[in-house]
Amino acid sequence: MTGGGLLVAGTTSDAGKSVVTAGICRWLVRQGVKVAPFKAQNMSLNSFVTKEGAEIGRAQAMQAQACRVEPTALMNPVLLKPGGEQSSQVVLLGKPVGELSARGYHGGRQQKLLGTVLDCLAELRGTYDAVICEGAGSPAEINLRRTDIVNMGIARNAGLPVLVVGDIDRGGVFASFFGTVALLSEEDQRLIAGFLVNKFRGDVSLLEPGLDMLHGLTGRPTYGVLPFRHGLGIDEEDGLRVSLRGAVRESQVSSPVGEDVLRVAVCAVPLMSNFTDVDALAAEPGVVVRFVDRPEELADADLVVVPGTRGTVRALEWLRERGLAEALVRRAAEQRPILGVCGGFQVLGEHIEDDVESRRGHVEGLGVLPVRVRFAREKTLTRPVGTALGEAVEGYEIHHGVAETAGGEPFLDGCRVGQTWGTHWHGSLESDGFRRAFLREVAAAAGRRFVPAPDTSFAALREEQLDRLGDLIEQHADTDALWRLIESGAPQGLPFIPPGAPA
């Protein structure tokens, strides 16, 4: 028996597809439904490693947590990791299979992957009561429809009803809803069941006349109006938002436990990957996190984080061009705390041999850690566990660079020299005991009377946030109608809205 399904599409990128999908997943699992997330193709530098060593988008890992299931490669069979304006690394079923230009991918390779993604979806639907799928961008990208495998391409092949989400906070949501339907072919329009308004501020009664007119124009209802809520953009695909900070500041408005706050500056390097590493820092009362791109912004920071990046050599050049490299070297010499993670760890080393990612060969690093990095063609994808500062730590690794350390103190398979720390481990700061111990060291080195809160649980905060997403769906969407969609598919007889897709 095949489980039910639904595709959550959007009028635009960043309309709220990821969080709406997670919210529907959490609402369903609280009703006792066995549910899984799915995104056929994800373009993101924010990724995660599953227990079987597969790389998938972090959004799908977050949605799996909303479902209270372990994430697997089936949930995101195709992941594209941009390496610049023109090309991306293609990760298929959790493993990299090569680099392709946008033209090469959309010119034929993408369509060849349709069978793979449909097989993955079918396997999930054979295992779960329901699979909630997330689209990408807009389903009305008419230039890409022929090779689409993530929006209407997958919906039509799998017979999925489609819910279109629109961000009303941007304006123009009615035109976006109508235009999205009107630019689809008659076959695709038959699957567009209706709409969901996201990020509404104000009195819903003032919106209802427009929703009624939209229904009259399209023959499709609106399944809910979700109010605007700060801090719900958890584990987004890309961006510079510190995703937990807003939620924590709303739900736990508390002063620092000690007398001082702790200021963290994150270097906003190009092609930044897994920027969510700093979410756990932002979750701590009294820790202020900001992204920076100028050397003077490091002056008052108690900790500087150099995050991961898909372009280590490019990030190194950017740090030098901006004057940040010189500021980091000076900071290390002054014994002021620096944490380098993954690509950020690599740039702090002595030199890099890269014939894989940038193909630049030998490149001198910043030289503040006794580390030499060689880029291997095989990508390291692991979920390490260990101890540091007397505390248990878990993390995950995603990198081509192989680090050889020649000194310093061991630190999470990397090293530490003075107050400069480097590791390939993403997610280590989510381990509560280790994070508190690390922040105590930083505060002492910075001369701050900062004390970490003794009871901050990052996992509990994440669960609280997922429950808030589930609450939004339960309280502000027509859940009975949503369940009928998931169980029975799109209603019959939905009208065609001209002009439809171009020939």
Protein backbone atom coordinates (compact mmCIF):
# COMPACT_ATOMS: atom_id res chain seq x y z
CA MET A 1 0.00 0.00 0.00
CA THR A 2 1.31 3.46 -0.92
CA GLY A 3 1.21 6.16 1.72
CA GLY A 4 -0.32 9.57 1.13
CA GLY A 5 1.64 12.53 -0.07
CA LEU A 6 1.71 16.29 -0.56
CA LEU A 7 4.07 18.69 -2.35
CA VAL A 8 4.63 22.05 -0.67
CA ALA A 9 5.58 24.48 -3.45
CA GLY A 10 6.18 28.22 -3.21
CA THR A 11 5.53 31.31 -5.27
CA THR A 12 9.20 32.24 -4.79
CA SER A 13 12.36 31.08 -3.10
CA ASP A 14 12.24 31.79 0.64
CA ALA A 15 8.43 31.81 0.68
CA GLY A 16 8.56 29.48 3.68
CA LYS A 17 8.43 26.03 2.06
CA SER A 18 10.97 24.48 4.42
CA VAL A 19 9.33 25.64 7.64
CA VAL A 20 5.79 24.90 6.40
CA THR A 21 6.90 21.38 5.43
CA ALA A 22 8.46 20.93 8.88
CA GLY A 23 5.32 22.31 10.53
CA ILE A 24 3.04 19.91 8.64
CA CYS A 25 5.39 17.05 9.54
CA ARG A 26 5.36 17.92 13.24
CA TRP A 27 1.55 18.36 13.25
CA LEU A 28 1.11 14.95 11.59
CA VAL A 29 3.47 13.08 13.90
CA ARG A 30 1.63 14.53 16.91
CA GLN A 31 -1.54 12.98 15.44
CA GLY A 32 0.11 9.57 15.42
CA VAL A 33 0.88 9.57 11.67
CA LYS A 34 4.10 7.92 10.55
CA VAL A 35 5.52 10.63 8.29
CA ALA A 36 8.74 11.43 6.40
CA PRO A 37 10.04 14.51 4.53
CA PHE A 38 11.31 14.52 0.96
CA LYS A 39 13.01 16.99 -1.35
CA ALA A 40 14.02 15.58 -4.70
CA GLN A 41 16.66 18.21 -5.41
CA ASN A 42 18.13 20.72 -3.00
CA MET A 43 20.60 23.50 -3.79
CA SER A 44 22.36 24.39 -0.57
CA LEU A 45 25.71 24.82 1.16
CA ASN A 46 24.04 23.97 4.46
CA SER A 47 24.25 20.18 4.65
CA PHE A 48 24.29 17.32 7.14
CA VAL A 49 25.70 13.80 7.40
CA THR A 50 23.32 10.95 8.13
CA LYS A 51 24.25 7.96 10.29
CA GLU A 52 25.04 5.90 7.19
CA GLY A 53 27.50 8.58 6.01
CA ALA A 54 25.33 10.27 3.37
CA GLU A 55 25.31 14.02 2.78
CA ILE A 56 21.88 15.67 2.53
CA GLY A 57 20.49 19.18 2.96
CA ARG A 58 20.20 20.33 6.57
CA ALA A 59 16.62 21.41 5.90
CA GLN A 60 15.67 17.79 5.28
CA ALA A 61 17.57 16.68 8.40
CA MET A 62 15.58 19.27 10.37
CA GLN A 63 12.33 18.06 8.78
CA ALA A 64 13.22 14.48 9.70
CA GLN A 65 13.63 15.65 13.28
CA ALA A 66 10.19 17.23 13.01
CA CYS A 67 8.95 13.76 11.99
CA ARG A 68 10.92 12.17 14.86
CA VAL A 69 12.74 9.84 12.45
CA GLU A 70 16.38 9.43 11.46
CA PRO A 71 17.30 11.33 8.27
CA THR A 72 18.42 9.21 5.30
CA ALA A 73 19.68 9.84 1.78
CA LEU A 74 16.24 8.85 0.43
CA MET A 75 14.86 12.10 1.82
CA ASN A 76 17.10 14.27 -0.38
CA PRO A 77 18.46 12.17 -3.27
CA VAL A 78 19.99 15.10 -5.19
CA LEU A 79 21.97 17.86 -3.46
CA LEU A 80 23.66 20.63 -5.44
CA LYS A 81 26.47 22.49 -3.66
CA PRO A 82 27.38 25.71 -5.51
CA GLY A 83 31.07 26.28 -6.08
CA GLY A 84 30.63 29.64 -7.77
CA GLU A 85 28.23 31.44 -10.09
CA GLN A 86 28.39 28.81 -12.85
CA SER A 87 28.89 25.35 -11.35
CA SER A 88 27.87 23.05 -8.52
CA GLN A 89 29.01 19.78 -7.02
CA VAL A 90 26.33 17.15 -7.60
CA VAL A 91 25.72 14.89 -4.60
CA LEU A 92 23.64 11.83 -5.54
CA LEU A 93 22.18 9.62 -2.83
CA GLY A 94 24.55 11.20 -0.33
CA LYS A 95 27.81 10.90 -2.33
CA PRO A 96 29.49 13.43 -4.66
CA VAL A 97 29.47 12.34 -8.31
CA GLY A 98 31.11 15.35 -9.97
CA GLU A 99 30.94 19.05 -10.84
CA LEU A 100 28.52 20.36 -13.44
CA SER A 101 27.75 23.74 -14.92
CA ALA A 102 24.16 24.95 -14.69
CA ARG A 103 23.85 24.48 -18.46
CA GLY A 104 25.22 20.95 -18.28
CA TYR A 105 22.90 20.01 -15.42
CA HIS A 106 19.70 21.45 -16.88
CA GLY A 107 20.78 20.42 -20.36
CA GLY A 108 20.21 16.73 -19.75
CA ARG A 109 21.69 15.38 -16.53
CA GLN A 110 18.80 16.57 -14.38
CA GLN A 111 16.12 14.75 -16.37
CA LYS A 112 18.13 11.52 -16.20
CA LEU A 113 17.85 11.67 -12.40
CA LEU A 114 14.03 11.64 -12.46
CA GLY A 115 13.87 7.84 -12.21
CA THR A 116 16.17 7.87 -9.19
CA VAL A 117 14.19 10.48 -7.29
CA LEU A 118 10.88 8.76 -8.11
CA ASP A 119 12.29 5.46 -6.81
CA CYS A 120 13.34 7.16 -3.57
CA LEU A 121 9.92 8.75 -3.14
CA ALA A 122 8.18 5.45 -3.86
CA GLU A 123 10.33 3.69 -1.26
CA LEU A 124 9.43 6.29 1.36
CA ARG A 125 5.73 6.11 0.47
CA GLY A 126 5.88 2.35 0.82
CA THR A 127 7.29 2.73 4.34
CA TYR A 128 5.43 5.72 5.79
CA ASP A 129 1.76 6.69 6.13
CA ALA A 130 2.52 10.06 4.54
CA VAL A 131 5.43 11.80 2.79
CA ILE A 132 5.50 15.62 2.81
CA CYS A 133 7.59 16.84 -0.11
CA GLU A 134 9.17 20.25 -0.51
CA GLY A 135 9.57 21.94 -3.86
CA ALA A 136 12.33 24.35 -4.88
CA GLY A 137 12.06 27.96 -5.99
CA SER A 138 8.80 28.32 -7.91
CA PRO A 139 6.91 25.63 -9.88
CA ALA A 140 6.28 28.27 -12.59
CA GLU A 141 9.90 28.56 -13.76
CA ILE A 142 8.78 28.08 -17.36
CA ASN A 143 12.34 28.04 -18.71
CA LEU A 144 13.15 24.98 -16.58
CA ARG A 145 9.86 23.06 -16.69
CA ARG A 146 11.00 20.61 -19.38
CA THR A 147 13.69 19.13 -17.12
CA ASP A 148 12.02 19.75 -13.73
CA ILE A 149 12.36 16.95 -11.19
CA VAL A 150 11.58 18.82 -7.97
CA ASN A 151 8.31 20.71 -8.49
CA MET A 152 5.58 19.79 -10.99
CA GLY A 153 7.80 17.17 -12.63
CA ILE A 154 7.76 15.05 -9.50
CA ALA A 155 4.16 15.98 -8.64
CA ARG A 156 2.84 14.83 -12.01
CA ASN A 157 4.86 11.62 -12.08
CA ALA A 158 3.94 10.70 -8.51
CA GLY A 159 0.37 12.03 -8.58
CA LEU A 160 0.94 14.44 -5.70
CA PRO A 161 -1.45 17.26 -4.79
CA VAL A 162 0.33 20.62 -4.56
CA LEU A 163 -0.08 23.33 -1.92
CA VAL A 164 1.39 26.69 -2.98
CA VAL A 165 2.87 28.84 -0.19
CA GLY A 166 3.16 32.60 -0.58
CA ASP A 167 5.01 35.11 1.62
CA ILE A 168 2.54 37.97 2.10
CA ASP A 169 5.15 39.99 4.02
CA ARG A 170 6.88 40.66 0.69
CA GLY A 171 3.70 42.01 -0.91
CA GLY A 172 1.97 40.91 -4.11
CA VAL A 173 0.87 37.54 -2.78
CA PHE A 174 -2.45 37.44 -4.70
CA ALA A 175 -0.76 38.18 -8.02
CA SER A 176 1.88 35.58 -7.18
CA PHE A 177 -0.71 32.91 -6.42
CA PHE A 178 -2.75 33.63 -9.55
CA GLY A 179 0.31 33.96 -11.79
CA THR A 180 1.82 30.73 -10.51
CA VAL A 181 -1.28 28.76 -11.52
CA ALA A 182 -1.80 30.62 -14.80
CA LEU A 183 1.73 29.87 -16.02
CA LEU A 184 1.32 26.10 -15.63
CA SER A 185 0.11 23.63 -18.23
CA GLU A 186 -3.39 22.20 -17.95
CA GLU A 187 -1.98 18.87 -16.71
CA ASP A 188 0.05 20.60 -13.99
CA GLN A 189 -2.81 22.87 -12.97
CA ARG A 190 -4.95 19.82 -12.17
CA LEU A 191 -2.61 19.12 -9.25
CA ILE A 192 -2.61 22.64 -7.74
CA ALA A 193 -5.08 22.12 -4.91
CA GLY A 194 -4.86 25.53 -3.28
CA PHE A 195 -2.83 28.09 -1.36
CA LEU A 196 -1.32 28.82 2.04
CA VAL A 197 -0.56 32.39 3.09
CA ASN A 198 2.62 32.75 5.15
CA LYS A 199 3.91 35.57 7.41
CA PHE A 200 0.67 37.55 7.74
CA ARG A 201 0.62 40.52 10.10
CA GLY A 202 -2.67 42.01 11.29
CA ASP A 203 -6.37 41.21 11.26
CA VAL A 204 -7.18 38.17 9.10
CA SER A 205 -10.70 39.47 8.48
CA LEU A 206 -9.20 42.24 6.34
CA LEU A 207 -7.58 39.57 4.15
CA GLU A 208 -10.66 37.40 3.68
CA PRO A 209 -12.27 39.38 0.81
CA GLY A 210 -9.08 38.88 -1.20
CA LEU A 211 -9.02 35.18 -0.41
CA ASP A 212 -12.63 34.87 -1.53
CA MET A 213 -11.84 36.67 -4.80
CA LEU A 214 -8.79 34.43 -5.34
CA HIS A 215 -11.03 31.39 -4.85
CA GLY A 216 -13.48 32.79 -7.38
CA LEU A 217 -10.74 33.49 -9.91
CA THR A 218 -8.90 30.17 -9.59
CA GLY A 219 -11.48 27.75 -8.19
CA ARG A 220 -8.98 26.89 -5.45
CA PRO A 221 -9.28 27.55 -1.71
CA THR A 222 -6.73 28.92 0.72
CA TYR A 223 -5.89 26.26 3.30
CA GLY A 224 -4.71 28.66 5.97
CA VAL A 225 -3.17 31.99 6.90
CA LEU A 226 -0.07 31.62 9.05
CA PRO A 227 0.79 34.64 11.21
CA PHE A 228 4.25 36.20 11.15
CA ARG A 229 6.51 34.75 13.83
CA HIS A 230 10.12 35.75 14.49
CA GLY A 231 12.88 33.17 14.65
CA LEU A 232 11.28 30.27 12.77
CA GLY A 233 13.82 30.02 9.92
CA ILE A 234 15.66 27.02 11.32
CA ASP A 235 18.31 25.25 9.22
CA GLU A 236 17.55 27.24 6.12
CA GLU A 237 19.16 26.38 2.82
CA ASP A 238 21.39 29.44 2.59
CA GLY A 239 21.67 32.89 4.08
CA LEU A 240 23.24 34.75 6.97
CA ARG A 241 20.46 34.41 9.52
CA VAL A 242 21.37 33.12 12.97
CA SER A 243 18.35 30.91 12.96
CA LEU A 244 17.82 30.14 16.65
CA ARG A 245 18.69 33.53 18.10
CA GLY A 246 15.33 35.16 17.41
CA ALA A 247 13.34 32.28 18.88
CA VAL A 248 15.48 32.08 21.99
CA ARG A 249 15.31 35.80 22.62
CA GLU A 250 11.50 35.66 22.40
CA SER A 251 10.94 32.60 24.54
CA GLN A 252 13.74 33.08 27.05
CA VAL A 253 14.36 36.79 27.51
CA SER A 254 16.98 36.61 30.24
CA SER A 255 20.03 38.58 31.24
CA PRO A 256 23.47 37.00 31.22
CA VAL A 257 24.12 34.73 34.18
CA GLY A 258 27.38 36.58 34.81
CA GLU A 259 28.05 40.29 34.73
CA ASP A 260 29.16 40.52 31.08
CA VAL A 261 27.88 39.52 27.68
CA LEU A 262 30.15 37.63 25.28
CA ARG A 263 30.51 39.03 21.75
CA VAL A 264 31.05 36.60 18.86
CA ALA A 265 32.02 37.81 15.37
CA VAL A 266 31.58 35.34 12.47
CA CYS A 267 33.58 36.09 9.32
CA ALA A 268 31.06 36.11 6.46
CA VAL A 269 33.33 34.25 4.01
CA PRO A 270 32.21 33.55 0.43
CA LEU A 271 30.34 30.27 -0.18
CA MET A 272 29.83 29.92 3.56
CA SER A 273 28.71 26.41 4.48
CA ASN A 274 26.96 25.20 7.60
CA PHE A 275 26.60 28.66 9.10
CA THR A 276 24.18 26.96 11.52
CA ASP A 277 27.26 25.94 13.54
CA VAL A 278 26.92 29.22 15.43
CA ASP A 279 23.24 28.73 16.30
CA ALA A 280 24.19 26.95 19.51
CA LEU A 281 26.29 29.97 20.54
CA ALA A 282 23.37 32.30 19.82
CA ALA A 283 21.15 30.07 21.96
CA GLU A 284 23.17 30.93 25.08
CA PRO A 285 21.81 33.82 27.21
CA GLY A 286 24.30 36.65 27.12
CA VAL A 287 26.03 35.59 23.87
CA VAL A 288 25.70 38.12 21.03
CA VAL A 289 26.46 36.75 17.55
CA ARG A 290 26.94 38.83 14.42
CA PHE A 291 28.34 38.27 10.93
CA VAL A 292 31.14 40.62 9.89
CA ASP A 293 33.17 41.49 6.80
CA ARG A 294 35.51 44.27 7.99
CA PRO A 295 38.61 44.02 10.20
CA GLU A 296 37.48 46.78 12.55
CA GLU A 297 34.46 44.65 13.45
CA LEU A 298 36.80 42.12 15.09
CA ALA A 299 38.17 44.69 17.54
CA ASP A 300 35.56 44.29 20.28
CA ALA A 301 34.83 40.59 19.64
CA ASP A 302 35.61 38.17 22.45
CA LEU A 303 35.56 35.25 19.99
CA VAL A 304 36.02 35.24 16.22
CA VAL A 305 34.65 32.28 14.27
CA VAL A 306 35.97 31.47 10.80
CA PRO A 307 33.22 29.17 9.49
CA GLY A 308 33.13 26.45 6.88
CA THR A 309 33.15 27.27 3.17
CA ARG A 310 32.77 25.45 -0.14
CA GLY A 311 35.70 27.51 -1.46
CA THR A 312 38.61 27.42 1.00
CA VAL A 313 41.15 29.13 -1.27
CA ARG A 314 38.60 31.71 -2.38
CA ALA A 315 37.76 32.43 1.28
CA LEU A 316 41.46 32.85 2.06
CA GLU A 317 41.83 35.37 -0.76
CA TRP A 318 38.72 37.21 0.46
CA LEU A 319 40.10 37.41 4.00
CA ARG A 320 43.33 38.92 2.61
CA GLU A 321 41.54 41.35 0.30
CA ARG A 322 39.39 42.62 3.18
CA GLY A 323 42.22 42.99 5.66
CA LEU A 324 40.65 40.32 7.85
CA ALA A 325 43.58 37.93 7.38
CA GLU A 326 46.02 40.41 8.92
CA ALA A 327 43.58 41.06 11.77
CA LEU A 328 43.25 37.32 12.45
CA VAL A 329 47.04 36.81 12.50
CA ARG A 330 47.43 39.73 14.87
CA ARG A 331 44.61 38.44 17.04
CA ALA A 332 46.21 34.98 17.29
CA ALA A 333 49.55 36.53 18.32
CA GLU A 334 47.72 38.50 21.03
CA GLN A 335 46.19 35.27 22.41
CA ARG A 336 42.65 36.40 21.69
CA PRO A 337 40.20 33.54 20.94
CA ILE A 338 39.64 32.30 17.38
CA LEU A 339 37.69 29.19 16.34
CA GLY A 340 38.13 27.82 12.81
CA VAL A 341 35.62 25.21 11.62
CA CYS A 342 36.23 22.99 8.57
CA GLY A 343 37.28 25.41 5.77
CA GLY A 344 37.86 28.02 8.47
CA PHE A 345 40.25 25.58 10.18
CA GLN A 346 42.06 24.98 6.88
CA VAL A 347 42.73 28.68 6.18
CA LEU A 348 44.35 29.05 9.62
CA GLY A 349 47.00 26.46 8.69
CA GLU A 350 50.43 26.84 7.12
CA HIS A 351 49.63 25.87 3.56
CA ILE A 352 47.05 24.17 1.34
CA GLU A 353 47.59 21.83 -1.61
CA ASP A 354 44.41 22.05 -3.65
CA ASP A 355 44.14 20.28 -7.00
CA VAL A 356 40.47 19.40 -6.40
CA GLU A 357 38.30 22.32 -5.30
CA SER A 358 40.02 25.46 -6.65
CA ARG A 359 42.76 23.61 -8.59
CA ARG A 360 45.17 26.31 -7.47
CA GLY A 361 47.87 23.92 -6.26
CA HIS A 362 50.08 25.24 -3.44
CA VAL A 363 48.57 28.14 -1.50
CA GLU A 364 50.00 29.69 1.66
CA GLY A 365 47.62 29.77 4.63
CA LEU A 366 47.55 32.25 7.52
CA GLY A 367 50.10 30.19 9.42
CA VAL A 368 48.59 30.50 12.90
CA LEU A 369 48.10 26.72 13.32
CA PRO A 370 50.75 24.04 12.59
CA VAL A 371 48.57 22.35 9.98
CA ARG A 372 49.10 21.39 6.35
CA VAL A 373 46.06 20.59 4.24
CA ARG A 374 45.89 18.42 1.12
CA PHE A 375 42.66 18.22 -0.83
CA ALA A 376 41.63 14.64 -1.65
CA ARG A 377 39.17 13.71 -4.39
CA GLU A 378 37.27 11.48 -1.96
CA LYS A 379 35.05 13.50 0.37
CA THR A 380 35.14 12.77 4.10
CA LEU A 381 31.59 12.21 5.41
CA THR A 382 31.52 11.01 9.01
CA ARG A 383 29.73 11.44 12.34
CA PRO A 384 32.60 11.52 14.88
CA VAL A 385 32.25 11.39 18.65
CA GLY A 386 34.91 12.24 21.22
CA THR A 387 35.82 14.40 24.18
CA ALA A 388 37.27 17.88 24.60
CA LEU A 389 37.75 20.06 27.66
CA GLY A 390 36.62 17.08 29.72
CA GLU A 391 33.20 16.90 28.02
CA ALA A 392 31.59 14.52 25.53
CA VAL A 393 31.24 15.94 22.01
CA GLU A 394 29.42 14.83 18.86
CA GLY A 395 29.73 16.34 15.39
CA TYR A 396 29.80 15.65 11.67
CA GLU A 397 32.45 16.14 8.99
CA ILE A 398 31.99 17.20 5.34
CA HIS A 399 35.26 18.07 3.59
CA HIS A 400 37.76 17.20 0.87
CA GLY A 401 40.71 18.70 2.77
CA VAL A 402 42.87 16.27 4.75
CA ALA A 403 44.70 17.99 7.61
CA GLU A 404 48.14 16.93 8.86
CA THR A 405 48.92 18.52 12.22
CA ALA A 406 52.53 18.99 13.32
CA GLY A 407 52.14 20.44 16.80
CA GLY A 408 49.79 22.16 19.16
CA GLU A 409 47.36 20.46 21.53
CA PRO A 410 44.88 17.96 20.09
CA PHE A 411 41.36 19.36 19.70
CA LEU A 412 38.49 17.42 18.06
CA ASP A 413 40.78 15.80 15.48
CA GLY A 414 42.28 19.23 14.83
CA CYS A 415 44.53 21.26 17.10
CA ARG A 416 44.80 24.23 19.41
CA VAL A 417 47.66 26.70 19.83
CA GLY A 418 47.15 29.21 22.60
CA GLN A 419 43.69 30.64 22.07
CA THR A 420 43.39 29.60 18.41
CA TRP A 421 41.30 26.46 17.93
CA GLY A 422 40.73 24.50 14.72
CA THR A 423 38.58 21.47 13.86
CA HIS A 424 36.82 19.86 10.92
CA TRP A 425 33.86 18.99 13.17
CA HIS A 426 30.62 20.78 12.40
CA GLY A 427 27.94 20.80 15.09
CA SER A 428 30.28 20.34 18.05
CA LEU A 429 28.83 23.37 19.85
CA GLU A 430 25.44 21.64 20.00
CA SER A 431 26.93 19.42 22.74
CA ASP A 432 25.82 21.40 25.79
CA GLY A 433 28.57 20.48 28.26
CA PHE A 434 31.35 21.11 25.75
CA ARG A 435 29.83 24.41 24.61
CA ARG A 436 29.69 25.67 28.21
CA ALA A 437 33.29 24.58 28.87
CA PHE A 438 34.47 26.24 25.65
CA LEU A 439 32.68 29.49 26.47
CA ARG A 440 34.23 29.53 29.94
CA GLU A 441 37.68 29.29 28.32
CA VAL A 442 36.82 32.08 25.87
CA ALA A 443 35.47 34.32 28.63
CA ALA A 444 38.60 33.79 30.74
CA ALA A 445 40.90 34.58 27.80
CA ALA A 446 38.83 37.64 26.90
CA GLY A 447 38.74 38.90 30.47
CA ARG A 448 34.93 38.85 30.51
CA ARG A 449 32.87 38.08 33.60
CA PHE A 450 30.59 35.92 31.51
CA VAL A 451 29.10 32.71 32.92
CA PRO A 452 27.32 30.18 30.66
CA ALA A 453 23.79 29.31 31.76
CA PRO A 454 23.87 25.92 33.52
CA ASP A 455 20.66 24.60 31.96
CA THR A 456 20.59 25.67 28.29
CA SER A 457 19.73 22.60 26.21
CA PHE A 458 20.17 23.11 22.49
CA ALA A 459 18.21 19.93 21.69
CA ALA A 460 15.30 21.08 23.87
CA LEU A 461 15.30 24.50 22.19
CA ARG A 462 15.21 22.82 18.78
CA GLU A 463 12.27 20.66 19.85
CA GLU A 464 10.48 23.71 21.20
CA GLN A 465 10.96 25.46 17.89
CA LEU A 466 9.66 22.49 15.89
CA ASP A 467 6.63 22.35 18.16
CA ARG A 468 6.00 26.03 17.45
CA LEU A 469 5.94 25.19 13.74
CA GLY A 470 3.49 22.36 14.39
CA ASP A 471 1.35 24.75 16.45
CA LEU A 472 1.19 27.21 13.55
CA ILE A 473 -0.25 24.54 11.25
CA GLU A 474 -2.61 23.13 13.87
CA GLN A 475 -3.96 26.53 14.91
CA HIS A 476 -4.02 28.45 11.62
CA ALA A 477 -4.51 25.92 8.81
CA ASP A 478 -7.52 23.83 7.81
CA THR A 479 -5.98 20.58 9.00
CA ASP A 480 -9.01 18.44 8.05
CA ALA A 481 -8.77 19.69 4.47
CA LEU A 482 -4.98 19.20 4.49
CA TRP A 483 -5.37 15.60 5.59
CA ARG A 484 -7.90 14.95 2.81
CA LEU A 485 -5.35 16.26 0.32
CA ILE A 486 -2.59 14.06 1.72
CA GLU A 487 -4.80 10.98 1.80
CA SER A 488 -6.86 11.40 -1.40
CA GLY A 489 -4.95 13.76 -3.69
CA ALA A 490 -6.05 16.91 -5.49
CA PRO A 491 -9.82 17.43 -5.89
CA GLN A 492 -11.32 16.52 -9.25
CA GLY A 493 -12.58 19.18 -11.63
CA LEU A 494 -10.22 22.03 -10.76
CA PRO A 495 -10.62 24.69 -13.48
CA PHE A 496 -7.95 25.61 -16.01
CA ILE A 497 -6.69 29.19 -15.67
CA PRO A 498 -5.45 30.67 -18.98
CA PRO A 499 -3.07 31.24 -20.60
CA GLY A 500 -1.24 28.17 -19.23
CA ALA A 501 2.34 27.27 -19.99
CA PRO A 502 3.85 28.58 -23.24
CA ALA A 503 4.03 26.02 -26.03
